[in-house]
Amino acid sequence: MTQVRYPTTPLKIGVTILTVVMLLAMLLVPNPVVVAFLCFSSLITAMIHFNVFESSADTNPLNRIDLAIQVIYLVASVAKAFIIGGHA
C-alpha cells in the first residue's frame, strides 16, 4: 500500500489554529450561552476539517494532529455544555 501525503497549505494551518483557539475559549469561558455556541461550533469545525484535508489516509502529521484536536474539542465541548447546563 502506498503512503499518501498531501502538502501542508495555509488553509490547513488556519483550520488547526482556529480549532485550538476555539478549544481554549471553550475551556476558559464560563458563560453557558458562549459554551453552547462553541459546542455547536465544534461540529462545524469538524465538518471543515473533512472539507479542507483531502483524505483521512493522509500521513501528513498536521492531518492527524488536527483530527485529534477536533475530537478533543467535540467531546470536551459537549461535556462542558452538559455540566454547565446541569447547574443552571
N, C-alpha and C. Protein backbone atom coordinates (compact mmCIF):
# COMPACT_ATOMS: atom_id res chain seq x y z
N MET A 1 0.85 -1.18 0.00
CA MET A 1 0.00 0.00 0.00
C MET A 1 0.89 1.24 0.00
N THR A 2 0.56 2.19 -0.83
CA THR A 2 1.36 3.40 -0.91
C THR A 2 0.92 4.39 0.16
N GLN A 3 1.89 5.16 0.63
CA GLN A 3 1.57 6.19 1.61
C GLN A 3 1.14 7.45 0.88
N VAL A 4 0.06 8.02 1.37
CA VAL A 4 -0.47 9.26 0.79
C VAL A 4 -0.01 10.41 1.66
N ARG A 5 0.55 11.43 1.04
CA ARG A 5 0.98 12.60 1.80
C ARG A 5 0.67 13.85 0.98
N TYR A 6 -0.32 14.59 1.44
CA TYR A 6 -0.69 15.83 0.78
C TYR A 6 0.11 16.98 1.39
N PRO A 7 0.34 18.03 0.63
CA PRO A 7 1.13 19.15 1.16
C PRO A 7 0.37 19.96 2.21
N THR A 8 1.13 20.60 3.08
CA THR A 8 0.55 21.50 4.06
C THR A 8 0.28 22.84 3.39
N THR A 9 -0.92 23.36 3.56
CA THR A 9 -1.29 24.64 2.96
C THR A 9 -1.64 25.63 4.07
N PRO A 10 -1.66 26.93 3.76
CA PRO A 10 -2.05 27.92 4.77
C PRO A 10 -3.47 27.69 5.29
N LEU A 11 -4.37 27.19 4.44
CA LEU A 11 -5.73 26.93 4.89
C LEU A 11 -5.77 25.82 5.95
N LYS A 12 -4.96 24.80 5.76
CA LYS A 12 -4.90 23.71 6.75
C LYS A 12 -4.35 24.21 8.08
N ILE A 13 -3.33 25.03 8.02
CA ILE A 13 -2.77 25.62 9.24
C ILE A 13 -3.81 26.51 9.90
N GLY A 14 -4.54 27.28 9.11
CA GLY A 14 -5.58 28.16 9.65
C GLY A 14 -6.69 27.40 10.35
N VAL A 15 -7.11 26.29 9.79
CA VAL A 15 -8.16 25.47 10.42
C VAL A 15 -7.67 24.94 11.77
N THR A 16 -6.43 24.50 11.82
CA THR A 16 -5.87 23.98 13.07
C THR A 16 -5.78 25.09 14.12
N ILE A 17 -5.31 26.27 13.73
CA ILE A 17 -5.21 27.39 14.67
C ILE A 17 -6.59 27.81 15.15
N LEU A 18 -7.56 27.89 14.24
CA LEU A 18 -8.93 28.25 14.62
C LEU A 18 -9.50 27.26 15.63
N THR A 19 -9.27 25.99 15.41
CA THR A 19 -9.78 24.97 16.32
C THR A 19 -9.13 25.08 17.70
N VAL A 20 -7.83 25.30 17.74
CA VAL A 20 -7.14 25.43 19.02
C VAL A 20 -7.64 26.66 19.78
N VAL A 21 -7.83 27.77 19.09
CA VAL A 21 -8.33 28.99 19.73
C VAL A 21 -9.73 28.77 20.28
N MET A 22 -10.59 28.12 19.50
CA MET A 22 -11.95 27.88 19.97
C MET A 22 -11.98 26.86 21.11
N LEU A 23 -11.09 25.89 21.09
CA LEU A 23 -10.99 24.93 22.19
C LEU A 23 -10.59 25.64 23.48
N LEU A 24 -9.58 26.49 23.39
CA LEU A 24 -9.14 27.24 24.58
C LEU A 24 -10.24 28.16 25.08
N ALA A 25 -10.95 28.82 24.17
CA ALA A 25 -12.06 29.69 24.58
C ALA A 25 -13.14 28.89 25.29
N MET A 26 -13.44 27.71 24.76
CA MET A 26 -14.47 26.87 25.37
C MET A 26 -14.06 26.43 26.78
N LEU A 27 -12.78 26.15 26.96
CA LEU A 27 -12.32 25.71 28.28
C LEU A 27 -12.29 26.85 29.29
N LEU A 28 -12.08 28.08 28.84
CA LEU A 28 -11.90 29.21 29.75
C LEU A 28 -13.17 30.02 30.02
N VAL A 29 -14.14 29.99 29.13
CA VAL A 29 -15.33 30.84 29.26
C VAL A 29 -16.39 30.13 30.11
N PRO A 30 -16.88 30.79 31.16
CA PRO A 30 -17.91 30.15 32.00
C PRO A 30 -19.35 30.45 31.56
N ASN A 31 -19.55 31.33 30.61
CA ASN A 31 -20.88 31.73 30.17
C ASN A 31 -21.56 30.59 29.41
N PRO A 32 -22.74 30.13 29.87
CA PRO A 32 -23.41 29.00 29.23
C PRO A 32 -23.80 29.25 27.77
N VAL A 33 -24.15 30.49 27.44
CA VAL A 33 -24.55 30.79 26.07
C VAL A 33 -23.35 30.68 25.13
N VAL A 34 -22.21 31.18 25.56
CA VAL A 34 -20.99 31.10 24.75
C VAL A 34 -20.55 29.64 24.63
N VAL A 35 -20.65 28.88 25.71
CA VAL A 35 -20.28 27.47 25.67
C VAL A 35 -21.20 26.71 24.71
N ALA A 36 -22.48 27.02 24.70
CA ALA A 36 -23.41 26.37 23.77
C ALA A 36 -23.05 26.72 22.33
N PHE A 37 -22.71 27.98 22.08
CA PHE A 37 -22.28 28.37 20.74
C PHE A 37 -21.02 27.63 20.33
N LEU A 38 -20.05 27.53 21.24
CA LEU A 38 -18.81 26.84 20.93
C LEU A 38 -19.03 25.33 20.77
N CYS A 39 -19.99 24.79 21.49
CA CYS A 39 -20.33 23.37 21.32
C CYS A 39 -20.86 23.12 19.91
N PHE A 40 -21.74 23.99 19.45
CA PHE A 40 -22.24 23.88 18.08
C PHE A 40 -21.11 24.11 17.08
N SER A 41 -20.22 25.04 17.40
CA SER A 41 -19.10 25.34 16.51
C SER A 41 -18.15 24.16 16.38
N SER A 42 -18.09 23.31 17.39
CA SER A 42 -17.21 22.14 17.30
C SER A 42 -17.67 21.21 16.19
N LEU A 43 -18.96 21.13 15.97
CA LEU A 43 -19.47 20.32 14.86
C LEU A 43 -19.10 20.94 13.52
N ILE A 44 -19.16 22.26 13.46
CA ILE A 44 -18.82 22.95 12.22
C ILE A 44 -17.34 22.81 11.91
N THR A 45 -16.47 22.94 12.92
CA THR A 45 -15.04 22.81 12.66
C THR A 45 -14.68 21.37 12.28
N ALA A 46 -15.40 20.40 12.81
CA ALA A 46 -15.17 19.01 12.39
C ALA A 46 -15.53 18.84 10.92
N MET A 47 -16.62 19.46 10.50
CA MET A 47 -17.01 19.40 9.10
C MET A 47 -15.97 20.12 8.23
N ILE A 48 -15.47 21.24 8.69
CA ILE A 48 -14.44 21.98 7.95
C ILE A 48 -13.19 21.13 7.81
N HIS A 49 -12.84 20.39 8.87
CA HIS A 49 -11.66 19.52 8.79
C HIS A 49 -11.76 18.57 7.60
N PHE A 50 -12.91 17.93 7.45
CA PHE A 50 -13.06 16.95 6.39
C PHE A 50 -13.22 17.59 5.01
N ASN A 51 -13.51 18.88 4.96
CA ASN A 51 -13.55 19.58 3.68
C ASN A 51 -12.17 20.10 3.27
N VAL A 52 -11.34 20.48 4.25
CA VAL A 52 -10.03 21.06 3.94
C VAL A 52 -8.97 19.99 3.74
N PHE A 53 -8.95 19.00 4.61
CA PHE A 53 -7.96 17.92 4.49
C PHE A 53 -8.49 16.90 3.49
N GLU A 54 -7.68 16.55 2.52
CA GLU A 54 -8.13 15.77 1.38
C GLU A 54 -8.56 14.35 1.73
N SER A 55 -7.84 13.72 2.67
CA SER A 55 -8.12 12.32 2.97
C SER A 55 -7.71 12.00 4.40
N SER A 56 -8.44 11.10 5.03
CA SER A 56 -8.04 10.67 6.37
C SER A 56 -6.89 9.68 6.31
N ALA A 57 -6.55 9.22 5.11
CA ALA A 57 -5.39 8.33 4.93
C ALA A 57 -4.09 9.12 4.76
N ASP A 58 -4.19 10.45 4.78
CA ASP A 58 -3.02 11.31 4.62
C ASP A 58 -2.06 11.08 5.79
N THR A 59 -0.78 10.91 5.49
CA THR A 59 0.22 10.69 6.54
C THR A 59 0.87 11.99 7.01
N ASN A 60 0.41 13.11 6.51
CA ASN A 60 0.92 14.40 6.97
C ASN A 60 0.58 14.55 8.46
N PRO A 61 1.57 14.88 9.30
CA PRO A 61 1.30 14.98 10.74
C PRO A 61 0.23 16.01 11.09
N LEU A 62 0.13 17.08 10.32
CA LEU A 62 -0.88 18.11 10.60
C LEU A 62 -2.29 17.54 10.50
N ASN A 63 -2.51 16.62 9.58
CA ASN A 63 -3.82 15.99 9.43
C ASN A 63 -4.19 15.23 10.70
N ARG A 64 -3.28 14.45 11.19
CA ARG A 64 -3.57 13.65 12.39
C ARG A 64 -3.69 14.52 13.64
N ILE A 65 -2.85 15.54 13.73
CA ILE A 65 -2.91 16.45 14.88
C ILE A 65 -4.24 17.18 14.88
N ASP A 66 -4.64 17.71 13.73
CA ASP A 66 -5.90 18.44 13.66
C ASP A 66 -7.08 17.53 13.94
N LEU A 67 -7.06 16.31 13.44
CA LEU A 67 -8.16 15.39 13.71
C LEU A 67 -8.25 15.08 15.20
N ALA A 68 -7.13 14.88 15.86
CA ALA A 68 -7.13 14.64 17.31
C ALA A 68 -7.68 15.85 18.06
N ILE A 69 -7.27 17.04 17.66
CA ILE A 69 -7.77 18.26 18.31
C ILE A 69 -9.28 18.40 18.07
N GLN A 70 -9.74 18.07 16.87
CA GLN A 70 -11.17 18.13 16.57
C GLN A 70 -11.98 17.21 17.48
N VAL A 71 -11.49 16.00 17.67
CA VAL A 71 -12.21 15.03 18.52
C VAL A 71 -12.21 15.51 19.98
N ILE A 72 -11.07 15.99 20.45
CA ILE A 72 -10.98 16.51 21.82
C ILE A 72 -11.93 17.69 21.99
N TYR A 73 -11.94 18.60 21.03
CA TYR A 73 -12.81 19.78 21.09
C TYR A 73 -14.28 19.36 21.10
N LEU A 74 -14.65 18.43 20.27
CA LEU A 74 -16.03 17.97 20.20
C LEU A 74 -16.48 17.33 21.51
N VAL A 75 -15.70 16.41 22.02
CA VAL A 75 -16.06 15.71 23.26
C VAL A 75 -16.06 16.66 24.46
N ALA A 76 -15.03 17.49 24.56
CA ALA A 76 -14.93 18.41 25.70
C ALA A 76 -16.04 19.45 25.67
N SER A 77 -16.41 19.94 24.49
CA SER A 77 -17.45 20.96 24.43
C SER A 77 -18.83 20.38 24.78
N VAL A 78 -19.10 19.17 24.32
CA VAL A 78 -20.38 18.55 24.68
C VAL A 78 -20.42 18.27 26.19
N ALA A 79 -19.32 17.78 26.74
CA ALA A 79 -19.26 17.50 28.18
C ALA A 79 -19.45 18.78 28.99
N LYS A 80 -18.76 19.85 28.59
CA LYS A 80 -18.88 21.11 29.34
C LYS A 80 -20.28 21.69 29.21
N ALA A 81 -20.90 21.56 28.04
CA ALA A 81 -22.27 22.06 27.86
C ALA A 81 -23.23 21.32 28.78
N PHE A 82 -23.07 20.01 28.91
CA PHE A 82 -23.92 19.25 29.82
C PHE A 82 -23.65 19.63 31.28
N ILE A 83 -22.41 19.80 31.63
CA ILE A 83 -22.06 20.16 33.01
C ILE A 83 -22.61 21.52 33.38
N ILE A 84 -22.39 22.50 32.51
CA ILE A 84 -22.88 23.86 32.80
C ILE A 84 -24.39 23.89 32.73
N GLY A 85 -24.99 23.15 31.79
CA GLY A 85 -26.44 23.11 31.68
C GLY A 85 -27.11 22.47 32.88
N GLY A 86 -26.41 21.54 33.52
CA GLY A 86 -26.97 20.89 34.72
C GLY A 86 -26.96 21.79 35.94
N HIS A 87 -26.09 22.80 35.94
CA HIS A 87 -26.01 23.71 37.09
C HIS A 87 -26.90 24.92 36.93
N ALA A 88 -27.44 25.16 35.76
CA ALA A 88 -28.24 26.37 35.52
C ALA A 88 -29.66 26.21 36.00
